[in-house]
N, C-alpha and C. Protein backbone atom coordinates (compact mmCIF):
# COMPACT_ATOMS: atom_id res chain seq x y z
N GLN A 1 3.15 66.09 71.36
CA GLN A 1 4.51 66.38 71.79
C GLN A 1 5.36 66.58 70.54
N LYS A 2 6.01 67.72 70.45
CA LYS A 2 6.79 68.05 69.27
C LYS A 2 8.25 67.65 69.38
N ILE A 3 8.67 67.12 70.53
CA ILE A 3 10.06 66.72 70.72
C ILE A 3 10.10 65.27 71.15
N LEU A 4 10.94 64.49 70.48
CA LEU A 4 11.22 63.12 70.89
C LEU A 4 12.66 63.11 71.38
N LEU A 5 12.84 62.85 72.66
CA LEU A 5 14.15 62.86 73.29
C LEU A 5 14.62 61.42 73.45
N ILE A 6 15.72 61.06 72.78
CA ILE A 6 16.19 59.67 72.78
C ILE A 6 17.53 59.58 73.49
N ASP A 7 17.57 58.77 74.54
CA ASP A 7 18.77 58.52 75.33
C ASP A 7 19.49 57.32 74.72
N VAL A 8 20.71 57.53 74.21
CA VAL A 8 21.44 56.45 73.55
C VAL A 8 22.48 55.80 74.45
N ARG A 9 22.43 56.14 75.75
CA ARG A 9 23.36 55.50 76.69
C ARG A 9 22.93 54.05 76.91
N GLU A 10 23.83 53.28 77.50
CA GLU A 10 23.55 51.87 77.78
C GLU A 10 22.64 51.75 79.01
N PRO A 11 21.92 50.63 79.14
CA PRO A 11 20.96 50.47 80.24
C PRO A 11 21.56 50.73 81.63
N ASP A 12 22.80 50.30 81.88
CA ASP A 12 23.39 50.53 83.20
C ASP A 12 23.60 52.02 83.48
N GLU A 13 23.86 52.80 82.45
CA GLU A 13 23.99 54.25 82.61
C GLU A 13 22.62 54.88 82.85
N ILE A 14 21.63 54.44 82.10
CA ILE A 14 20.28 54.98 82.21
C ILE A 14 19.71 54.68 83.59
N ALA A 15 20.07 53.53 84.17
CA ALA A 15 19.58 53.16 85.49
C ALA A 15 19.99 54.17 86.56
N GLN A 16 21.05 54.92 86.30
CA GLN A 16 21.53 55.93 87.25
C GLN A 16 20.76 57.24 87.12
N GLY A 17 19.91 57.34 86.11
CA GLY A 17 19.09 58.53 85.91
C GLY A 17 19.03 58.92 84.45
N SER A 18 17.95 59.60 84.09
CA SER A 18 17.78 60.06 82.72
C SER A 18 16.93 61.32 82.73
N ILE A 19 16.88 61.99 81.62
CA ILE A 19 16.07 63.19 81.48
C ILE A 19 14.60 62.76 81.42
N PRO A 20 13.73 63.40 82.22
CA PRO A 20 12.31 63.04 82.17
C PRO A 20 11.77 63.14 80.74
N SER A 21 10.91 62.26 80.38
CA SER A 21 10.25 62.14 79.07
C SER A 21 11.14 61.53 78.00
N ALA A 22 12.39 61.20 78.32
CA ALA A 22 13.27 60.57 77.34
C ALA A 22 12.91 59.10 77.17
N VAL A 23 13.13 58.61 75.96
CA VAL A 23 12.97 57.19 75.68
C VAL A 23 14.36 56.61 75.45
N ALA A 24 14.52 55.33 75.72
CA ALA A 24 15.83 54.70 75.62
C ALA A 24 15.98 53.92 74.32
N LEU A 25 17.10 54.16 73.66
CA LEU A 25 17.49 53.40 72.48
C LEU A 25 19.02 53.41 72.45
N PRO A 26 19.65 52.44 73.13
CA PRO A 26 21.10 52.44 73.23
C PRO A 26 21.78 52.46 71.86
N LEU A 27 22.85 53.23 71.77
CA LEU A 27 23.59 53.33 70.52
C LEU A 27 24.01 51.95 70.02
N SER A 28 24.37 51.06 70.94
CA SER A 28 24.79 49.71 70.54
C SER A 28 23.68 48.94 69.83
N GLN A 29 22.42 49.38 69.97
CA GLN A 29 21.29 48.71 69.33
C GLN A 29 20.71 49.49 68.16
N LEU A 30 21.16 50.73 67.98
CA LEU A 30 20.53 51.61 66.99
C LEU A 30 20.63 51.07 65.57
N HIS A 31 21.80 50.60 65.17
CA HIS A 31 21.96 50.11 63.79
C HIS A 31 20.97 49.00 63.50
N GLY A 32 20.84 48.04 64.40
CA GLY A 32 19.88 46.96 64.22
C GLY A 32 18.44 47.44 64.30
N ALA A 33 18.19 48.40 65.18
CA ALA A 33 16.83 48.93 65.35
C ALA A 33 16.33 49.59 64.08
N LEU A 34 17.23 50.22 63.34
CA LEU A 34 16.85 50.90 62.10
C LEU A 34 16.40 49.92 61.03
N LYS A 35 16.72 48.64 61.20
CA LYS A 35 16.34 47.62 60.22
C LYS A 35 15.02 46.93 60.57
N LEU A 36 14.47 47.24 61.74
CA LEU A 36 13.23 46.60 62.18
C LEU A 36 12.02 47.18 61.46
N SER A 37 10.97 46.38 61.38
CA SER A 37 9.70 46.90 60.86
C SER A 37 9.16 47.88 61.89
N PRO A 38 8.25 48.78 61.48
CA PRO A 38 7.68 49.72 62.45
C PRO A 38 7.05 49.01 63.65
N ALA A 39 6.34 47.92 63.41
CA ALA A 39 5.68 47.20 64.51
C ALA A 39 6.71 46.57 65.45
N ALA A 40 7.74 45.95 64.90
CA ALA A 40 8.77 45.33 65.73
C ALA A 40 9.55 46.38 66.51
N PHE A 41 9.82 47.52 65.87
CA PHE A 41 10.53 48.61 66.54
C PHE A 41 9.73 49.09 67.75
N GLU A 42 8.44 49.37 67.54
CA GLU A 42 7.61 49.88 68.63
C GLU A 42 7.44 48.84 69.74
N ALA A 43 7.32 47.57 69.37
CA ALA A 43 7.20 46.52 70.38
C ALA A 43 8.46 46.43 71.24
N ARG A 44 9.61 46.59 70.62
CA ARG A 44 10.87 46.45 71.35
C ARG A 44 11.21 47.70 72.17
N TYR A 45 10.98 48.89 71.60
CA TYR A 45 11.46 50.12 72.26
C TYR A 45 10.36 50.96 72.90
N GLY A 46 9.10 50.65 72.63
CA GLY A 46 8.02 51.33 73.31
C GLY A 46 7.62 52.68 72.75
N PHE A 47 8.12 53.02 71.57
CA PHE A 47 7.71 54.25 70.90
C PHE A 47 7.76 54.01 69.40
N PRO A 48 6.97 54.76 68.62
CA PRO A 48 6.92 54.53 67.17
C PRO A 48 8.24 54.84 66.48
N LEU A 49 8.54 54.09 65.46
CA LEU A 49 9.72 54.33 64.64
C LEU A 49 9.60 55.71 64.00
N PRO A 50 10.51 56.64 64.32
CA PRO A 50 10.36 58.02 63.83
C PRO A 50 10.57 58.22 62.34
N GLY A 51 11.48 57.51 61.73
CA GLY A 51 11.84 57.79 60.35
C GLY A 51 11.06 56.97 59.36
N PRO A 52 11.29 57.24 58.08
CA PRO A 52 10.64 56.44 57.04
C PRO A 52 11.14 55.01 57.12
N SER A 53 10.27 54.09 56.85
CA SER A 53 10.65 52.68 56.92
C SER A 53 10.18 51.98 55.66
N GLN A 54 10.96 52.05 54.64
CA GLN A 54 10.60 51.41 53.38
C GLN A 54 11.33 50.07 53.29
N PRO A 55 10.62 48.97 53.39
CA PRO A 55 11.28 47.68 53.27
C PRO A 55 11.88 47.52 51.88
N ALA A 56 12.98 46.84 51.84
CA ALA A 56 13.69 46.66 50.58
C ALA A 56 13.01 45.57 49.76
N LEU A 57 12.30 45.95 48.71
CA LEU A 57 11.62 44.97 47.86
C LEU A 57 12.61 44.15 47.05
N SER A 58 13.83 44.63 46.91
CA SER A 58 14.81 43.91 46.11
C SER A 58 15.27 42.62 46.78
N ARG A 59 14.93 42.42 48.04
CA ARG A 59 15.40 41.24 48.77
C ARG A 59 14.54 40.00 48.53
N TRP A 60 13.33 40.16 48.04
CA TRP A 60 12.46 39.01 47.91
C TRP A 60 12.88 38.15 46.74
N SER A 61 12.64 36.86 46.89
CA SER A 61 13.00 35.95 45.81
C SER A 61 11.82 35.09 45.37
N GLY A 62 10.79 35.03 46.16
CA GLY A 62 9.64 34.21 45.80
C GLY A 62 8.34 34.92 46.14
N LYS A 63 7.22 34.23 45.86
CA LYS A 63 5.91 34.84 46.08
C LYS A 63 5.68 35.20 47.55
N ALA A 64 6.06 34.31 48.46
CA ALA A 64 5.84 34.57 49.88
C ALA A 64 6.63 35.79 50.34
N GLU A 65 7.89 35.85 49.91
CA GLU A 65 8.73 36.99 50.30
C GLU A 65 8.20 38.29 49.70
N ARG A 66 7.73 38.20 48.46
CA ARG A 66 7.19 39.40 47.80
C ARG A 66 5.93 39.88 48.53
N ALA A 67 5.05 38.94 48.87
CA ALA A 67 3.81 39.30 49.57
C ALA A 67 4.13 39.92 50.93
N GLN A 68 5.12 39.35 51.62
CA GLN A 68 5.51 39.89 52.92
C GLN A 68 6.09 41.30 52.76
N ALA A 69 6.94 41.49 51.77
CA ALA A 69 7.53 42.81 51.53
C ALA A 69 6.46 43.83 51.17
N GLN A 70 5.48 43.42 50.36
CA GLN A 70 4.41 44.34 49.99
C GLN A 70 3.54 44.68 51.19
N ALA A 71 3.30 43.71 52.07
CA ALA A 71 2.53 43.98 53.29
C ALA A 71 3.28 44.95 54.19
N GLN A 72 4.60 44.76 54.28
CA GLN A 72 5.41 45.68 55.08
C GLN A 72 5.40 47.08 54.48
N GLN A 73 5.43 47.15 53.16
CA GLN A 73 5.40 48.45 52.49
C GLN A 73 4.06 49.14 52.74
N ALA A 74 2.97 48.40 52.71
CA ALA A 74 1.65 48.97 53.00
C ALA A 74 1.58 49.46 54.44
N GLN A 75 2.15 48.68 55.36
CA GLN A 75 2.18 49.08 56.76
C GLN A 75 3.02 50.36 56.93
N ALA A 76 4.14 50.44 56.23
CA ALA A 76 4.99 51.63 56.31
C ALA A 76 4.26 52.84 55.75
N ALA A 77 3.52 52.66 54.67
CA ALA A 77 2.76 53.76 54.08
C ALA A 77 1.69 54.24 55.05
N GLN A 78 1.04 53.30 55.74
CA GLN A 78 0.03 53.68 56.73
C GLN A 78 0.68 54.46 57.87
N GLN A 79 1.85 54.01 58.31
CA GLN A 79 2.54 54.71 59.39
C GLN A 79 2.93 56.12 58.96
N GLU A 80 3.39 56.27 57.72
CA GLU A 80 3.75 57.60 57.22
C GLU A 80 2.54 58.51 57.22
N THR A 81 1.37 57.96 56.86
CA THR A 81 0.14 58.75 56.88
C THR A 81 -0.17 59.18 58.31
N GLU A 82 -0.01 58.25 59.26
CA GLU A 82 -0.25 58.57 60.66
C GLU A 82 0.74 59.61 61.17
N GLN A 83 1.94 59.62 60.60
CA GLN A 83 2.97 60.55 61.05
C GLN A 83 2.86 61.92 60.40
N GLU A 84 1.92 62.10 59.48
CA GLU A 84 1.75 63.41 58.84
C GLU A 84 1.55 64.50 59.89
N GLY A 85 0.84 64.17 60.96
CA GLY A 85 0.62 65.14 62.03
C GLY A 85 1.87 65.41 62.84
N GLU A 86 2.89 64.61 62.65
CA GLU A 86 4.12 64.77 63.41
C GLU A 86 5.17 65.57 62.65
N LYS A 87 4.83 66.12 61.50
CA LYS A 87 5.81 66.92 60.77
C LYS A 87 6.23 68.09 61.63
N GLY A 88 7.49 68.43 61.57
CA GLY A 88 8.00 69.51 62.39
C GLY A 88 8.49 69.01 63.74
N LYS A 89 8.34 67.71 63.99
CA LYS A 89 8.79 67.13 65.25
C LYS A 89 10.32 67.08 65.26
N GLU A 90 10.88 67.43 66.39
CA GLU A 90 12.33 67.35 66.56
C GLU A 90 12.68 66.04 67.25
N ILE A 91 13.71 65.40 66.76
CA ILE A 91 14.22 64.18 67.38
C ILE A 91 15.59 64.56 67.94
N ILE A 92 15.71 64.56 69.26
CA ILE A 92 16.95 64.99 69.90
C ILE A 92 17.59 63.79 70.58
N PHE A 93 18.82 63.49 70.17
CA PHE A 93 19.58 62.41 70.77
C PHE A 93 20.49 62.97 71.85
N PHE A 94 20.65 62.21 72.93
CA PHE A 94 21.64 62.58 73.94
C PHE A 94 22.28 61.33 74.52
N CYS A 95 23.46 61.53 75.11
CA CYS A 95 24.18 60.45 75.78
C CYS A 95 24.77 61.04 77.06
N ARG A 96 25.98 60.71 77.41
CA ARG A 96 26.60 61.29 78.60
C ARG A 96 27.16 62.66 78.29
N SER A 97 27.93 62.76 77.20
CA SER A 97 28.61 64.03 76.90
C SER A 97 28.28 64.61 75.53
N GLY A 98 27.66 63.83 74.67
CA GLY A 98 27.29 64.32 73.34
C GLY A 98 28.02 63.65 72.19
N LYS A 99 28.97 62.78 72.49
CA LYS A 99 29.73 62.12 71.42
C LYS A 99 28.96 60.96 70.80
N ARG A 100 28.46 60.06 71.63
CA ARG A 100 27.69 58.93 71.10
C ARG A 100 26.40 59.40 70.45
N SER A 101 25.80 60.44 71.02
CA SER A 101 24.55 60.95 70.44
C SER A 101 24.80 61.57 69.07
N LEU A 102 25.98 62.12 68.85
CA LEU A 102 26.32 62.65 67.52
C LEU A 102 26.40 61.50 66.51
N THR A 103 26.96 60.39 66.93
CA THR A 103 27.00 59.20 66.07
C THR A 103 25.58 58.72 65.77
N ALA A 104 24.72 58.73 66.79
CA ALA A 104 23.32 58.33 66.60
C ALA A 104 22.63 59.26 65.60
N CYS A 105 22.91 60.55 65.68
CA CYS A 105 22.33 61.51 64.73
C CYS A 105 22.73 61.15 63.31
N ASP A 106 24.01 60.85 63.11
CA ASP A 106 24.49 60.50 61.77
C ASP A 106 23.76 59.27 61.24
N LEU A 107 23.62 58.24 62.08
CA LEU A 107 22.93 57.02 61.66
C LEU A 107 21.47 57.30 61.32
N ALA A 108 20.81 58.09 62.15
CA ALA A 108 19.39 58.40 61.94
C ALA A 108 19.18 59.20 60.66
N VAL A 109 20.04 60.17 60.41
CA VAL A 109 19.92 60.98 59.18
C VAL A 109 20.14 60.09 57.96
N LYS A 110 21.13 59.21 58.02
CA LYS A 110 21.38 58.30 56.90
C LYS A 110 20.19 57.36 56.67
N ALA A 111 19.43 57.08 57.73
CA ALA A 111 18.25 56.22 57.62
C ALA A 111 17.02 56.99 57.17
N GLY A 112 17.16 58.30 56.98
CA GLY A 112 16.06 59.10 56.47
C GLY A 112 15.23 59.83 57.51
N TRP A 113 15.66 59.81 58.77
CA TRP A 113 14.92 60.52 59.80
C TRP A 113 15.07 62.01 59.58
N LYS A 114 14.02 62.76 59.83
CA LYS A 114 14.02 64.22 59.67
C LYS A 114 13.98 64.88 61.04
N GLY A 115 14.45 66.13 61.11
CA GLY A 115 14.39 66.89 62.36
C GLY A 115 15.32 66.39 63.44
N VAL A 116 16.42 65.74 63.03
CA VAL A 116 17.36 65.13 63.98
C VAL A 116 18.34 66.18 64.51
N LYS A 117 18.51 66.17 65.83
CA LYS A 117 19.45 67.10 66.47
C LYS A 117 20.21 66.38 67.57
N ASN A 118 21.37 66.93 67.90
CA ASN A 118 22.20 66.40 68.97
C ASN A 118 22.17 67.37 70.15
N TYR A 119 21.98 66.84 71.36
CA TYR A 119 22.09 67.66 72.56
C TYR A 119 23.57 67.64 72.92
N ASP A 120 24.28 68.69 72.52
CA ASP A 120 25.74 68.73 72.64
C ASP A 120 26.26 68.42 74.04
N GLY A 121 25.71 69.04 75.05
CA GLY A 121 26.19 68.80 76.41
C GLY A 121 25.63 67.53 77.03
N SER A 122 24.54 67.07 76.48
CA SER A 122 23.88 65.83 76.88
C SER A 122 23.64 65.73 78.39
N TRP A 123 23.79 64.52 78.94
CA TRP A 123 23.47 64.26 80.34
C TRP A 123 24.28 65.15 81.28
N LEU A 124 25.56 65.36 81.00
CA LEU A 124 26.39 66.19 81.88
C LEU A 124 25.86 67.61 81.95
N ASP A 125 25.46 68.17 80.82
CA ASP A 125 24.91 69.52 80.79
C ASP A 125 23.58 69.58 81.52
N TRP A 126 22.72 68.61 81.26
CA TRP A 126 21.40 68.62 81.88
C TRP A 126 21.49 68.53 83.40
N THR A 127 22.34 67.62 83.91
CA THR A 127 22.47 67.49 85.37
C THR A 127 23.07 68.75 85.98
N ALA A 128 24.02 69.38 85.31
CA ALA A 128 24.60 70.63 85.82
C ALA A 128 23.53 71.71 85.90
N ARG A 129 22.68 71.82 84.90
CA ARG A 129 21.61 72.81 84.91
C ARG A 129 20.59 72.52 86.01
N GLU A 130 20.30 71.25 86.23
CA GLU A 130 19.36 70.88 87.29
C GLU A 130 19.91 71.24 88.67
N MET A 131 21.21 71.09 88.87
CA MET A 131 21.82 71.44 90.15
C MET A 131 21.78 72.94 90.38
N ILE A 132 21.92 73.72 89.33
CA ILE A 132 21.84 75.18 89.45
C ILE A 132 20.44 75.59 89.89
N LYS A 133 19.42 74.91 89.40
CA LYS A 133 18.03 75.22 89.76
C LYS A 133 17.77 74.99 91.24
N GLN A 134 18.47 74.04 91.84
CA GLN A 134 18.21 73.69 93.24
C GLN A 134 18.90 74.64 94.11
């Protein structure tokens, strides 16, 4: 799949419907989600962390912290290798109207995610198009 569609609306909004194949990552959780390890991110959200995830080695102060940071760095390097096949993948954020998803795009780009796009019309546009089809 070359497109990752991320719904940044809140759970109560998503419960009313979402675009098929979209994954949920509420904007209110995105900032914290970007700080998770790849394993913790996938466990919490059910899909792999799309962007680079380089743990900050500058935070360690002792041997245990350094070993943990190095293990996280090795895990991130392995994930990047696994993601080599995903180059060219588009990450499209959407919300209700496109405003929150634009904020999500900015956060993701600052975190190093590539191929990030905003679905300008978002949920409102998608539902309008679906009604036209019927």
